[in-house]
Amino acid sequence: MKVTVEEFEELVAEAISSLPEKFKEKMENIVVVIESLPSQELLREMKIKSPYGLLGLYRGVPYTRRGIWYRNVMPDK
């Protein structure tokens, strides 16, 4: 099944909104970025040969490491 970028973005938004509340409440200050393929630089950094070998990546401060100092920061991705 082939979907357009817009259809895929809608599916992602629906998936996030359908998450149980206990997970959604932990997703504060997170931006979901959708890209067709990872950059060559990222693949080299992660030591991944195929661009299809990376389907998701979290970059940011883990929820368990956020403290009272975690304010006014750019969103995690």
PDB file of N, CA and C in Angstrom:
ATOM      1  N   MET A   1       0.842  -1.174   0.000  1.00  0.00           N
ATOM      2  CA  MET A   1       0.000   0.000   0.000  1.00  0.00           C
ATOM      3  C   MET A   1       0.890   1.241   0.000  1.00  0.00           C
ATOM      4  N   LYS A   2       0.687   2.111  -0.936  1.00  0.00           N
ATOM      5  CA  LYS A   2       1.474   3.333  -1.029  1.00  0.00           C
ATOM      6  C   LYS A   2       0.641   4.493  -0.490  1.00  0.00           C
ATOM      7  N   VAL A   3       1.262   5.291   0.376  1.00  0.00           N
ATOM      8  CA  VAL A   3       0.566   6.455   0.936  1.00  0.00           C
ATOM      9  C   VAL A   3       1.356   7.719   0.613  1.00  0.00           C
ATOM     10  N   THR A   4       0.663   8.823   0.547  1.00  0.00           N
ATOM     11  CA  THR A   4       1.329  10.102   0.320  1.00  0.00           C
ATOM     12  C   THR A   4       1.947  10.577   1.627  1.00  0.00           C
ATOM     13  N   VAL A   5       2.799  11.577   1.529  1.00  0.00           N
ATOM     14  CA  VAL A   5       3.405  12.165   2.722  1.00  0.00           C
ATOM     15  C   VAL A   5       2.314  12.685   3.652  1.00  0.00           C
ATOM     16  N   GLU A   6       1.325  13.348   3.084  1.00  0.00           N
ATOM     17  CA  GLU A   6       0.236  13.906   3.890  1.00  0.00           C
ATOM     18  C   GLU A   6      -0.550  12.806   4.596  1.00  0.00           C
ATOM     19  N   GLU A   7      -0.815  11.709   3.888  1.00  0.00           N
ATOM     20  CA  GLU A   7      -1.538  10.588   4.498  1.00  0.00           C
ATOM     21  C   GLU A   7      -0.719   9.971   5.629  1.00  0.00           C
ATOM     22  N   PHE A   8       0.593   9.841   5.406  1.00  0.00           N
ATOM     23  CA  PHE A   8       1.454   9.273   6.438  1.00  0.00           C
ATOM     24  C   PHE A   8       1.486  10.174   7.667  1.00  0.00           C
ATOM     25  N   GLU A   9       1.604  11.483   7.464  1.00  0.00           N
ATOM     26  CA  GLU A   9       1.602  12.419   8.589  1.00  0.00           C
ATOM     27  C   GLU A   9       0.298  12.321   9.374  1.00  0.00           C
ATOM     28  N   GLU A  10      -0.808  12.139   8.668  1.00  0.00           N
ATOM     29  CA  GLU A  10      -2.104  11.986   9.333  1.00  0.00           C
ATOM     30  C   GLU A  10      -2.148  10.688  10.145  1.00  0.00           C
ATOM     31  N   LEU A  11      -1.598   9.612   9.587  1.00  0.00           N
ATOM     32  CA  LEU A  11      -1.547   8.342  10.313  1.00  0.00           C
ATOM     33  C   LEU A  11      -0.708   8.463  11.580  1.00  0.00           C
ATOM     34  N   VAL A  12       0.406   9.175  11.492  1.00  0.00           N
ATOM     35  CA  VAL A  12       1.260   9.380  12.662  1.00  0.00           C
ATOM     36  C   VAL A  12       0.510  10.179  13.724  1.00  0.00           C
ATOM     37  N   ALA A  13      -0.160  11.250  13.312  1.00  0.00           N
ATOM     38  CA  ALA A  13      -0.929  12.071  14.255  1.00  0.00           C
ATOM     39  C   ALA A  13      -2.027  11.245  14.921  1.00  0.00           C
ATOM     40  N   GLU A  14      -2.708  10.410  14.153  1.00  0.00           N
ATOM     41  CA  GLU A  14      -3.753   9.544  14.712  1.00  0.00           C
ATOM     42  C   GLU A  14      -3.160   8.544  15.702  1.00  0.00           C
ATOM     43  N   ALA A  15      -2.002   7.980  15.365  1.00  0.00           N
ATOM     44  CA  ALA A  15      -1.357   7.013  16.255  1.00  0.00           C
ATOM     45  C   ALA A  15      -0.976   7.666  17.576  1.00  0.00           C
ATOM     46  N   ILE A  16      -0.426   8.871  17.511  1.00  0.00           N
ATOM     47  CA  ILE A  16      -0.039   9.574  18.737  1.00  0.00           C
ATOM     48  C   ILE A  16      -1.268   9.915  19.567  1.00  0.00           C
ATOM     49  N   SER A  17      -2.319  10.395  18.923  1.00  0.00           N
ATOM     50  CA  SER A  17      -3.519  10.777  19.676  1.00  0.00           C
ATOM     51  C   SER A  17      -4.230   9.564  20.268  1.00  0.00           C
ATOM     52  N   SER A  18      -3.998   8.372  19.716  1.00  0.00           N
ATOM     53  CA  SER A  18      -4.655   7.177  20.245  1.00  0.00           C
ATOM     54  C   SER A  18      -3.842   6.478  21.338  1.00  0.00           C
ATOM     55  N   LEU A  19      -2.666   7.015  21.653  1.00  0.00           N
ATOM     56  CA  LEU A  19      -1.870   6.433  22.736  1.00  0.00           C
ATOM     57  C   LEU A  19      -2.621   6.561  24.058  1.00  0.00           C
ATOM     58  N   PRO A  20      -2.428   5.605  24.969  1.00  0.00           N
ATOM     59  CA  PRO A  20      -3.028   5.744  26.296  1.00  0.00           C
ATOM     60  C   PRO A  20      -2.523   7.019  26.978  1.00  0.00           C
ATOM     61  N   GLU A  21      -3.368   7.603  27.785  1.00  0.00           N
ATOM     62  CA  GLU A  21      -3.057   8.872  28.448  1.00  0.00           C
ATOM     63  C   GLU A  21      -1.761   8.800  29.251  1.00  0.00           C
ATOM     64  N   LYS A  22      -1.477   7.656  29.873  1.00  0.00           N
ATOM     65  CA  LYS A  22      -0.260   7.542  30.694  1.00  0.00           C
ATOM     66  C   LYS A  22       1.007   7.722  29.858  1.00  0.00           C
ATOM     67  N   PHE A  23       0.932   7.445  28.549  1.00  0.00           N
ATOM     68  CA  PHE A  23       2.077   7.674  27.670  1.00  0.00           C
ATOM     69  C   PHE A  23       2.070   9.097  27.122  1.00  0.00           C
ATOM     70  N   LYS A  24       0.901   9.574  26.750  1.00  0.00           N
ATOM     71  CA  LYS A  24       0.812  10.931  26.186  1.00  0.00           C
ATOM     72  C   LYS A  24       1.257  11.987  27.188  1.00  0.00           C
ATOM     73  N   GLU A  25       0.972  11.784  28.464  1.00  0.00           N
ATOM     74  CA  GLU A  25       1.362  12.791  29.459  1.00  0.00           C
ATOM     75  C   GLU A  25       2.878  12.871  29.618  1.00  0.00           C
ATOM     76  N   LYS A  26       3.579  11.849  29.187  1.00  0.00           N
ATOM     77  CA  LYS A  26       5.044  11.861  29.262  1.00  0.00           C
ATOM     78  C   LYS A  26       5.673  12.434  27.996  1.00  0.00           C
ATOM     79  N   MET A  27       4.864  12.789  27.022  1.00  0.00           N
ATOM     80  CA  MET A  27       5.376  13.304  25.750  1.00  0.00           C
ATOM     81  C   MET A  27       5.410  14.830  25.712  1.00  0.00           C
ATOM     82  N   GLU A  28       5.576  15.459  26.851  1.00  0.00           N
ATOM     83  CA  GLU A  28       5.634  16.914  26.848  1.00  0.00           C
ATOM     84  C   GLU A  28       6.976  17.382  26.290  1.00  0.00           C
ATOM     85  N   ASN A  29       6.944  18.450  25.550  1.00  0.00           N
ATOM     86  CA  ASN A  29       8.129  19.053  24.940  1.00  0.00           C
ATOM     87  C   ASN A  29       8.831  18.102  23.963  1.00  0.00           C
ATOM     88  N   ILE A  30       8.036  17.358  23.215  1.00  0.00           N
ATOM     89  CA  ILE A  30       8.578  16.452  22.201  1.00  0.00           C
ATOM     90  C   ILE A  30       7.958  16.799  20.854  1.00  0.00           C
ATOM     91  N   VAL A  31       8.791  16.876  19.840  1.00  0.00           N
ATOM     92  CA  VAL A  31       8.334  17.111  18.476  1.00  0.00           C
ATOM     93  C   VAL A  31       8.600  15.842  17.676  1.00  0.00           C
ATOM     94  N   VAL A  32       7.593  15.383  16.957  1.00  0.00           N
ATOM     95  CA  VAL A  32       7.766  14.223  16.083  1.00  0.00           C
ATOM     96  C   VAL A  32       8.099  14.756  14.690  1.00  0.00           C
ATOM     97  N   VAL A  33       9.273  14.382  14.203  1.00  0.00           N
ATOM     98  CA  VAL A  33       9.745  14.833  12.893  1.00  0.00           C
ATOM     99  C   VAL A  33       9.698  13.642  11.942  1.00  0.00           C
ATOM    100  N   ILE A  34       9.082  13.857  10.791  1.00  0.00           N
ATOM    101  CA  ILE A  34       8.979  12.792   9.790  1.00  0.00           C
ATOM    102  C   ILE A  34       9.876  13.154   8.613  1.00  0.00           C
ATOM    103  N   GLU A  35      10.785  12.243   8.287  1.00  0.00           N
ATOM    104  CA  GLU A  35      11.676  12.442   7.151  1.00  0.00           C
ATOM    105  C   GLU A  35      11.607  11.215   6.259  1.00  0.00           C
ATOM    106  N   SER A  36      11.775  11.415   4.966  1.00  0.00           N
ATOM    107  CA  SER A  36      11.718  10.283   4.027  1.00  0.00           C
ATOM    108  C   SER A  36      12.806   9.264   4.333  1.00  0.00           C
ATOM    109  N   LEU A  37      14.027   9.738   4.462  1.00  0.00           N
ATOM    110  CA  LEU A  37      15.167   8.881   4.760  1.00  0.00           C
ATOM    111  C   LEU A  37      16.133   9.641   5.658  1.00  0.00           C
ATOM    112  N   PRO A  38      16.911   8.932   6.475  1.00  0.00           N
ATOM    113  CA  PRO A  38      17.912   9.612   7.295  1.00  0.00           C
ATOM    114  C   PRO A  38      19.061  10.128   6.430  1.00  0.00           C
ATOM    115  N   SER A  39      19.731  11.152   6.919  1.00  0.00           N
ATOM    116  CA  SER A  39      20.869  11.707   6.182  1.00  0.00           C
ATOM    117  C   SER A  39      22.041  10.726   6.210  1.00  0.00           C
ATOM    118  N   GLN A  40      22.917  10.867   5.232  1.00  0.00           N
ATOM    119  CA  GLN A  40      24.120  10.031   5.195  1.00  0.00           C
ATOM    120  C   GLN A  40      24.972  10.268   6.437  1.00  0.00           C
ATOM    121  N   GLU A  41      25.008  11.510   6.883  1.00  0.00           N
ATOM    122  CA  GLU A  41      25.775  11.846   8.087  1.00  0.00           C
ATOM    123  C   GLU A  41      25.245  11.081   9.298  1.00  0.00           C
ATOM    124  N   LEU A  42      23.931  11.048   9.454  1.00  0.00           N
ATOM    125  CA  LEU A  42      23.329  10.331  10.582  1.00  0.00           C
ATOM    126  C   LEU A  42      23.586   8.833  10.473  1.00  0.00           C
ATOM    127  N   LEU A  43      23.473   8.294   9.273  1.00  0.00           N
ATOM    128  CA  LEU A  43      23.744   6.868   9.084  1.00  0.00           C
ATOM    129  C   LEU A  43      25.183   6.530   9.460  1.00  0.00           C
ATOM    130  N   ARG A  44      26.125   7.386   9.049  1.00  0.00           N
ATOM    131  CA  ARG A  44      27.534   7.161   9.419  1.00  0.00           C
ATOM    132  C   ARG A  44      27.692   7.239  10.931  1.00  0.00           C
ATOM    133  N   GLU A  45      27.086   8.256  11.541  1.00  0.00           N
ATOM    134  CA  GLU A  45      27.184   8.445  12.993  1.00  0.00           C
ATOM    135  C   GLU A  45      26.644   7.230  13.750  1.00  0.00           C
ATOM    136  N   MET A  46      25.552   6.655  13.256  1.00  0.00           N
ATOM    137  CA  MET A  46      24.914   5.519  13.920  1.00  0.00           C
ATOM    138  C   MET A  46      25.491   4.177  13.454  1.00  0.00           C
ATOM    139  N   LYS A  47      26.418   4.237  12.486  1.00  0.00           N
ATOM    140  CA  LYS A  47      27.047   3.035  11.913  1.00  0.00           C
ATOM    141  C   LYS A  47      25.999   2.092  11.321  1.00  0.00           C
ATOM    142  N   ILE A  48      25.092   2.685  10.546  1.00  0.00           N
ATOM    143  CA  ILE A  48      24.043   1.931   9.862  1.00  0.00           C
ATOM    144  C   ILE A  48      24.315   2.017   8.365  1.00  0.00           C
ATOM    145  N   LYS A  49      24.327   0.879   7.695  1.00  0.00           N
ATOM    146  CA  LYS A  49      24.657   0.864   6.269  1.00  0.00           C
ATOM    147  C   LYS A  49      23.480   1.228   5.378  1.00  0.00           C
ATOM    148  N   SER A  50      22.323   0.690   5.661  1.00  0.00           N
ATOM    149  CA  SER A  50      21.161   0.912   4.801  1.00  0.00           C
ATOM    150  C   SER A  50      20.285   2.040   5.349  1.00  0.00           C
ATOM    151  N   PRO A  51      19.826   2.949   4.498  1.00  0.00           N
ATOM    152  CA  PRO A  51      18.930   4.007   4.970  1.00  0.00           C
ATOM    153  C   PRO A  51      17.599   3.448   5.469  1.00  0.00           C
ATOM    154  N   TYR A  52      17.304   2.198   5.118  1.00  0.00           N
ATOM    155  CA  TYR A  52      16.072   1.556   5.587  1.00  0.00           C
ATOM    156  C   TYR A  52      16.279   0.847   6.926  1.00  0.00           C
ATOM    157  N   GLY A  53      17.503   0.918   7.445  1.00  0.00           N
ATOM    158  CA  GLY A  53      17.814   0.290   8.726  1.00  0.00           C
ATOM    159  C   GLY A  53      17.504   1.168   9.922  1.00  0.00           C
ATOM    160  N   LEU A  54      17.083   2.397   9.682  1.00  0.00           N
ATOM    161  CA  LEU A  54      16.742   3.315  10.769  1.00  0.00           C
ATOM    162  C   LEU A  54      15.313   3.793  10.554  1.00  0.00           C
ATOM    163  N   LEU A  55      14.411   3.322  11.402  1.00  0.00           N
ATOM    164  CA  LEU A  55      12.996   3.653  11.245  1.00  0.00           C
ATOM    165  C   LEU A  55      12.502   4.638  12.298  1.00  0.00           C
ATOM    166  N   GLY A  56      13.313   4.894  13.303  1.00  0.00           N
ATOM    167  CA  GLY A  56      12.923   5.848  14.332  1.00  0.00           C
ATOM    168  C   GLY A  56      14.118   6.188  15.197  1.00  0.00           C
ATOM    169  N   LEU A  57      14.116   7.392  15.741  1.00  0.00           N
ATOM    170  CA  LEU A  57      15.240   7.834  16.560  1.00  0.00           C
ATOM    171  C   LEU A  57      14.758   8.897  17.533  1.00  0.00           C
ATOM    172  N   TYR A  58      15.143   8.756  18.798  1.00  0.00           N
ATOM    173  CA  TYR A  58      14.829   9.767  19.811  1.00  0.00           C
ATOM    174  C   TYR A  58      16.112  10.503  20.148  1.00  0.00           C
ATOM    175  N   ARG A  59      16.049  11.822  20.087  1.00  0.00           N
ATOM    176  CA  ARG A  59      17.188  12.652  20.490  1.00  0.00           C
ATOM    177  C   ARG A  59      16.693  13.659  21.498  1.00  0.00           C
ATOM    178  N   GLY A  60      17.234  13.594  22.681  1.00  0.00           N
ATOM    179  CA  GLY A  60      16.818  14.529  23.714  1.00  0.00           C
ATOM    180  C   GLY A  60      17.175  14.013  25.092  1.00  0.00           C
ATOM    181  N   VAL A  61      16.572  14.621  26.081  1.00  0.00           N
ATOM    182  CA  VAL A  61      16.801  14.255  27.474  1.00  0.00           C
ATOM    183  C   VAL A  61      15.767  13.193  27.857  1.00  0.00           C
ATOM    184  N   PRO A  62      16.203  12.009  28.289  1.00  0.00           N
ATOM    185  CA  PRO A  62      15.238  10.989  28.686  1.00  0.00           C
ATOM    186  C   PRO A  62      14.320  11.501  29.796  1.00  0.00           C
ATOM    187  N   TYR A  63      13.084  11.065  29.754  1.00  0.00           N
ATOM    188  CA  TYR A  63      12.090  11.522  30.731  1.00  0.00           C
ATOM    189  C   TYR A  63      12.567  11.266  32.156  1.00  0.00           C
ATOM    190  N   THR A  64      13.238  10.145  32.361  1.00  0.00           N
ATOM    191  CA  THR A  64      13.695   9.784  33.708  1.00  0.00           C
ATOM    192  C   THR A  64      14.843  10.663  34.191  1.00  0.00           C
ATOM    193  N   ARG A  65      15.459  11.431  33.294  1.00  0.00           N
ATOM    194  CA  ARG A  65      16.568  12.310  33.686  1.00  0.00           C
ATOM    195  C   ARG A  65      16.171  13.778  33.744  1.00  0.00           C
ATOM    196  N   ARG A  66      14.910  14.061  33.506  1.00  0.00           N
ATOM    197  CA  ARG A  66      14.455  15.447  33.567  1.00  0.00           C
ATOM    198  C   ARG A  66      14.198  15.811  35.023  1.00  0.00           C
ATOM    199  N   GLY A  67      14.693  16.945  35.405  1.00  0.00           N
ATOM    200  CA  GLY A  67      14.473  17.415  36.767  1.00  0.00           C
ATOM    201  C   GLY A  67      13.861  18.802  36.748  1.00  0.00           C
ATOM    202  N   ILE A  68      13.948  19.469  37.872  1.00  0.00           N
ATOM    203  CA  ILE A  68      13.366  20.807  37.963  1.00  0.00           C
ATOM    204  C   ILE A  68      14.106  21.797  37.065  1.00  0.00           C
ATOM    205  N   TRP A  69      15.311  21.492  36.676  1.00  0.00           N
ATOM    206  CA  TRP A  69      16.110  22.355  35.807  1.00  0.00           C
ATOM    207  C   TRP A  69      15.665  22.257  34.353  1.00  0.00           C
ATOM    208  N   TYR A  70      14.840  21.264  34.011  1.00  0.00           N
ATOM    209  CA  TYR A  70      14.440  21.035  32.620  1.00  0.00           C
ATOM    210  C   TYR A  70      13.358  22.039  32.226  1.00  0.00           C
ATOM    211  N   ARG A  71      13.783  23.243  31.858  1.00  0.00           N
ATOM    212  CA  ARG A  71      12.864  24.308  31.451  1.00  0.00           C
ATOM    213  C   ARG A  71      13.500  25.124  30.336  1.00  0.00           C
ATOM    214  N   ASN A  72      12.644  25.755  29.561  1.00  0.00           N
ATOM    215  CA  ASN A  72      13.101  26.654  28.497  1.00  0.00           C
ATOM    216  C   ASN A  72      14.154  26.007  27.603  1.00  0.00           C
ATOM    217  N   VAL A  73      13.898  24.782  27.211  1.00  0.00           N
ATOM    218  CA  VAL A  73      14.812  24.072  26.315  1.00  0.00           C
ATOM    219  C   VAL A  73      14.082  23.766  25.015  1.00  0.00           C
ATOM    220  N   MET A  74      14.841  23.568  23.971  1.00  0.00           N
ATOM    221  CA  MET A  74      14.257  23.194  22.689  1.00  0.00           C
ATOM    222  C   MET A  74      13.600  21.821  22.835  1.00  0.00           C
ATOM    223  N   PRO A  75      12.552  21.556  22.069  1.00  0.00           N
ATOM    224  CA  PRO A  75      11.879  20.255  22.172  1.00  0.00           C
ATOM    225  C   PRO A  75      12.792  19.103  21.779  1.00  0.00           C
ATOM    226  N   ASP A  76      12.584  17.981  22.440  1.00  0.00           N
ATOM    227  CA  ASP A  76      13.262  16.756  22.050  1.00  0.00           C
ATOM    228  C   ASP A  76      12.655  16.302  20.734  1.00  0.00           C
ATOM    229  N   LYS A  77      13.405  15.470  20.011  1.00  0.00           N
ATOM    230  CA  LYS A  77      12.914  14.954  18.723  1.00  0.00           C
ATOM    231  C   LYS A  77      13.034  13.454  18.721  1.00  0.00           C
TER     232      LYS A  77
END
